[in-house]
Amino acid sequence: MTQGRIGVGVEGPSDLKFWRKFLHRSFCGRLFDVRNMKNRSRLIRDTPRLLDMFRGLGYSGGIIILDRDKNPCTAHLVEEFDERVRGEFQKPLEQRYLQLCVAVRELESWFLADREAVLAVLPDASYDVPEDTSIWGAGRLRELWKQQYGRASALNKINFAEAMATRFSVARAMKHSASLQVSWDRVTRVVEREP
């Protein structure tokens, strides 16, 4: 029986590691089917298929989590989806089966919004969170990673995302990320919907 389960589409393997663990930790008793679409373009292209699959499996709703990257605004990002998906995203929030959550600028900017979690995972790094972390992304995280592991060490986004899943606090991070505030409201709308 899949009723009450929620489908989630994400861009890549680090997103999969984080969201699979974090969503189940955040909403005990709810089931999430997190699908890694391998990259941003494929996630956008295959969202109609995900929408049909989630509905066909009887899931109570769906969530697409995407980085804004270099798009000037979320409205331009929505235009990248096919017409049917755009129509879904244009419905009033309470009527949407599928919610779009956009990390401005990228998922790493949401991670960086929780200073306590960052320093728990990278205790040797020196980090003060800015008012709004949308100015930063993976580049700032690479700097912190190097402080922790040395110059030669490349950022392992998958390991970092997995470690953050057990430390990250939305309540702390929302204070420094407007896009996380909006997105978390959309996630909770899907979760709280009657199955």
Protein backbone atom coordinates (compact mmCIF):
# COMPACT_ATOMS: atom_id res chain seq x y z
CA MET A 1 0.00 0.00 0.00
CA THR A 2 1.58 3.29 -1.08
CA GLN A 3 -1.08 5.73 0.11
CA GLY A 4 0.54 8.39 2.27
CA ARG A 5 3.92 7.92 0.61
CA ILE A 6 5.47 11.02 -0.96
CA GLY A 7 7.54 11.05 -4.14
CA VAL A 8 10.61 13.28 -4.31
CA GLY A 9 12.73 14.08 -7.36
CA VAL A 10 16.28 15.38 -6.83
CA GLU A 11 19.20 16.36 -9.05
CA GLY A 12 22.03 14.07 -8.02
CA PRO A 13 23.66 11.62 -5.63
CA SER A 14 24.52 14.10 -2.86
CA ASP A 15 20.91 15.34 -2.88
CA LEU A 16 19.71 11.73 -2.69
CA LYS A 17 21.94 10.98 0.32
CA PHE A 18 20.80 14.09 2.16
CA TRP A 19 17.05 14.07 1.43
CA ARG A 20 16.53 10.34 1.90
CA LYS A 21 17.95 10.50 5.41
CA PHE A 22 16.81 14.02 6.37
CA LEU A 23 13.15 13.70 5.32
CA HIS A 24 12.68 10.44 7.18
CA ARG A 25 14.37 11.94 10.24
CA SER A 26 12.23 15.09 10.05
CA PHE A 27 8.88 13.38 9.51
CA CYS A 28 8.90 10.15 11.48
CA GLY A 29 6.27 7.73 10.28
CA ARG A 30 6.02 9.20 6.77
CA LEU A 31 7.52 7.39 3.81
CA PHE A 32 9.45 9.14 1.05
CA ASP A 33 10.45 7.68 -2.31
CA VAL A 34 13.45 9.85 -3.25
CA ARG A 35 14.51 9.54 -6.89
CA ASN A 36 17.97 10.64 -8.08
CA MET A 37 17.65 11.90 -11.65
CA LYS A 38 21.48 12.15 -12.07
CA ASN A 39 21.56 15.84 -13.11
CA ARG A 40 19.53 19.03 -13.23
CA SER A 41 18.61 18.84 -16.94
CA ARG A 42 17.33 15.31 -16.65
CA LEU A 43 15.30 16.16 -13.54
CA ILE A 44 13.59 19.01 -15.41
CA ARG A 45 13.08 16.90 -18.54
CA ASP A 46 11.75 13.87 -16.64
CA THR A 47 9.48 15.68 -14.17
CA PRO A 48 6.36 14.86 -16.26
CA ARG A 49 7.27 11.17 -16.00
CA LEU A 50 7.85 11.51 -12.25
CA LEU A 51 4.50 13.28 -11.86
CA ASP A 52 2.70 10.45 -13.71
CA MET A 53 4.61 7.79 -11.76
CA PHE A 54 3.89 9.33 -8.34
CA ARG A 55 0.18 9.62 -9.18
CA GLY A 56 0.11 6.13 -10.69
CA LEU A 57 1.64 4.66 -7.53
CA GLY A 58 -1.03 6.38 -5.43
CA TYR A 59 1.38 8.66 -3.59
CA SER A 60 -0.27 11.48 -1.64
CA GLY A 61 1.95 14.11 -3.32
CA GLY A 62 5.23 14.90 -4.96
CA ILE A 63 8.14 17.28 -4.45
CA ILE A 64 10.80 18.41 -6.93
CA ILE A 65 13.95 19.85 -5.31
CA LEU A 66 16.13 21.83 -7.66
CA ASP A 67 19.03 24.29 -7.53
CA ARG A 68 18.35 27.67 -9.10
CA ASP A 69 21.98 27.82 -10.22
CA LYS A 70 22.49 30.69 -12.65
CA ASN A 71 18.84 31.41 -13.46
CA PRO A 72 18.06 35.03 -12.64
CA CYS A 73 14.86 34.08 -10.81
CA THR A 74 12.60 31.16 -10.00
CA ALA A 75 10.02 32.27 -12.59
CA HIS A 76 12.61 31.72 -15.34
CA LEU A 77 13.40 28.32 -13.87
CA VAL A 78 9.74 27.27 -14.04
CA GLU A 79 9.78 28.08 -17.78
CA GLU A 80 12.30 25.25 -18.28
CA PHE A 81 9.64 22.64 -17.41
CA ASP A 82 7.14 21.31 -19.92
CA GLU A 83 3.71 22.92 -20.22
CA ARG A 84 1.85 20.33 -18.14
CA VAL A 85 4.29 20.65 -15.23
CA ARG A 86 4.21 24.46 -15.46
CA GLY A 87 0.42 24.23 -15.17
CA GLU A 88 0.79 22.16 -12.01
CA PHE A 89 3.20 24.70 -10.51
CA GLN A 90 0.80 27.57 -11.31
CA LYS A 91 -2.11 26.11 -9.34
CA PRO A 92 -2.81 27.61 -5.90
CA LEU A 93 -0.40 26.05 -3.38
CA GLU A 94 -3.10 24.12 -1.55
CA GLN A 95 -4.27 22.50 -4.83
CA ARG A 96 -0.88 21.41 -6.14
CA TYR A 97 -0.15 17.72 -6.19
CA LEU A 98 3.48 18.50 -7.09
CA GLN A 99 5.46 21.19 -5.28
CA LEU A 100 8.62 22.82 -6.62
CA CYS A 101 11.32 23.63 -4.05
CA VAL A 102 14.17 25.78 -5.34
CA ALA A 103 17.47 26.16 -3.49
CA VAL A 104 18.81 29.64 -4.14
CA ARG A 105 21.61 29.28 -5.27
CA GLU A 106 22.23 25.59 -4.65
CA LEU A 107 21.63 23.00 -1.96
CA GLU A 108 24.98 23.92 -0.41
CA SER A 109 23.63 27.42 0.34
CA TRP A 110 20.95 25.76 2.50
CA PHE A 111 23.60 23.71 4.31
CA LEU A 112 25.66 26.85 4.91
CA ALA A 113 22.64 28.50 6.55
CA ASP A 114 23.07 26.20 9.58
CA ARG A 115 26.37 27.23 11.15
CA GLU A 116 26.04 24.76 14.01
CA ALA A 117 25.65 21.81 11.63
CA VAL A 118 28.51 22.97 9.38
CA LEU A 119 30.88 23.24 12.35
CA ALA A 120 29.73 19.87 13.72
CA VAL A 121 30.72 18.26 10.40
CA LEU A 122 33.79 20.48 9.82
CA PRO A 123 34.98 21.34 13.36
CA ASP A 124 38.37 22.73 12.25
CA ALA A 125 36.82 25.24 9.82
CA SER A 126 36.32 28.88 10.69
CA TYR A 127 32.82 29.91 9.66
CA ASP A 128 30.38 32.71 10.39
CA VAL A 129 27.02 32.52 8.66
CA PRO A 130 25.97 35.60 6.66
CA GLU A 131 22.52 37.17 6.91
CA ASP A 132 21.48 35.36 3.70
CA THR A 133 23.45 32.38 2.38
CA SER A 134 22.05 32.71 -1.17
CA ILE A 135 25.28 34.57 -1.94
CA TRP A 136 27.22 31.34 -1.39
CA GLY A 137 27.17 27.82 -2.65
CA ALA A 138 29.62 25.01 -3.27
CA GLY A 139 32.55 27.44 -3.67
CA ARG A 140 32.32 28.59 -0.04
CA LEU A 141 31.84 25.02 1.09
CA ARG A 142 35.03 24.01 -0.78
CA GLU A 143 36.93 26.66 1.21
CA LEU A 144 35.61 25.25 4.50
CA TRP A 145 36.41 21.70 3.38
CA LYS A 146 40.01 22.74 2.66
CA GLN A 147 40.28 24.31 6.12
CA GLN A 148 39.20 20.97 7.58
CA TYR A 149 41.13 18.55 5.37
CA GLY A 150 43.98 20.52 3.79
CA ARG A 151 44.64 22.03 0.37
CA ALA A 152 44.95 18.79 -1.57
CA SER A 153 41.63 17.42 -0.41
CA ALA A 154 38.78 17.82 -2.90
CA LEU A 155 35.28 18.43 -1.59
CA ASN A 156 33.36 15.20 -1.24
CA LYS A 157 29.80 16.50 -1.65
CA ILE A 158 28.21 13.09 -1.11
CA ASN A 159 29.94 12.47 2.23
CA PHE A 160 29.28 16.03 3.34
CA ALA A 161 25.56 15.80 2.44
CA GLU A 162 25.22 12.49 4.26
CA ALA A 163 26.89 13.92 7.39
CA MET A 164 24.71 17.05 7.25
CA ALA A 165 21.53 14.95 7.14
CA THR A 166 22.05 13.96 10.77
CA ARG A 167 23.03 17.47 11.97
CA PHE A 168 21.02 19.91 9.84
CA SER A 169 18.24 21.95 11.47
CA VAL A 170 15.67 23.65 9.25
CA ALA A 171 14.66 25.88 12.17
CA ARG A 172 18.22 27.24 12.46
CA ALA A 173 18.85 27.42 8.72
CA MET A 174 15.63 29.22 7.76
CA LYS A 175 16.88 32.30 9.60
CA HIS A 176 19.58 32.66 6.93
CA SER A 177 17.85 31.39 3.79
CA ALA A 178 14.62 32.82 2.39
CA SER A 179 14.47 30.11 -0.28
CA LEU A 180 14.65 27.40 2.39
CA GLN A 181 11.76 29.07 4.25
CA VAL A 182 9.59 29.01 1.13
CA SER A 183 10.61 25.48 0.18
CA TRP A 184 10.12 24.04 3.66
CA ASP A 185 6.60 25.48 3.71
CA ARG A 186 5.94 23.59 0.46
CA VAL A 187 7.42 20.36 1.79
CA THR A 188 5.25 20.53 4.92
CA ARG A 189 2.16 21.23 2.79
CA VAL A 190 2.73 17.92 1.00
CA VAL A 191 3.57 16.03 4.19
CA GLU A 192 0.56 17.33 6.09
CA ARG A 193 -1.89 16.58 3.26
CA GLU A 194 -4.35 13.86 4.15
CA PRO A 195 -3.30 10.58 2.54
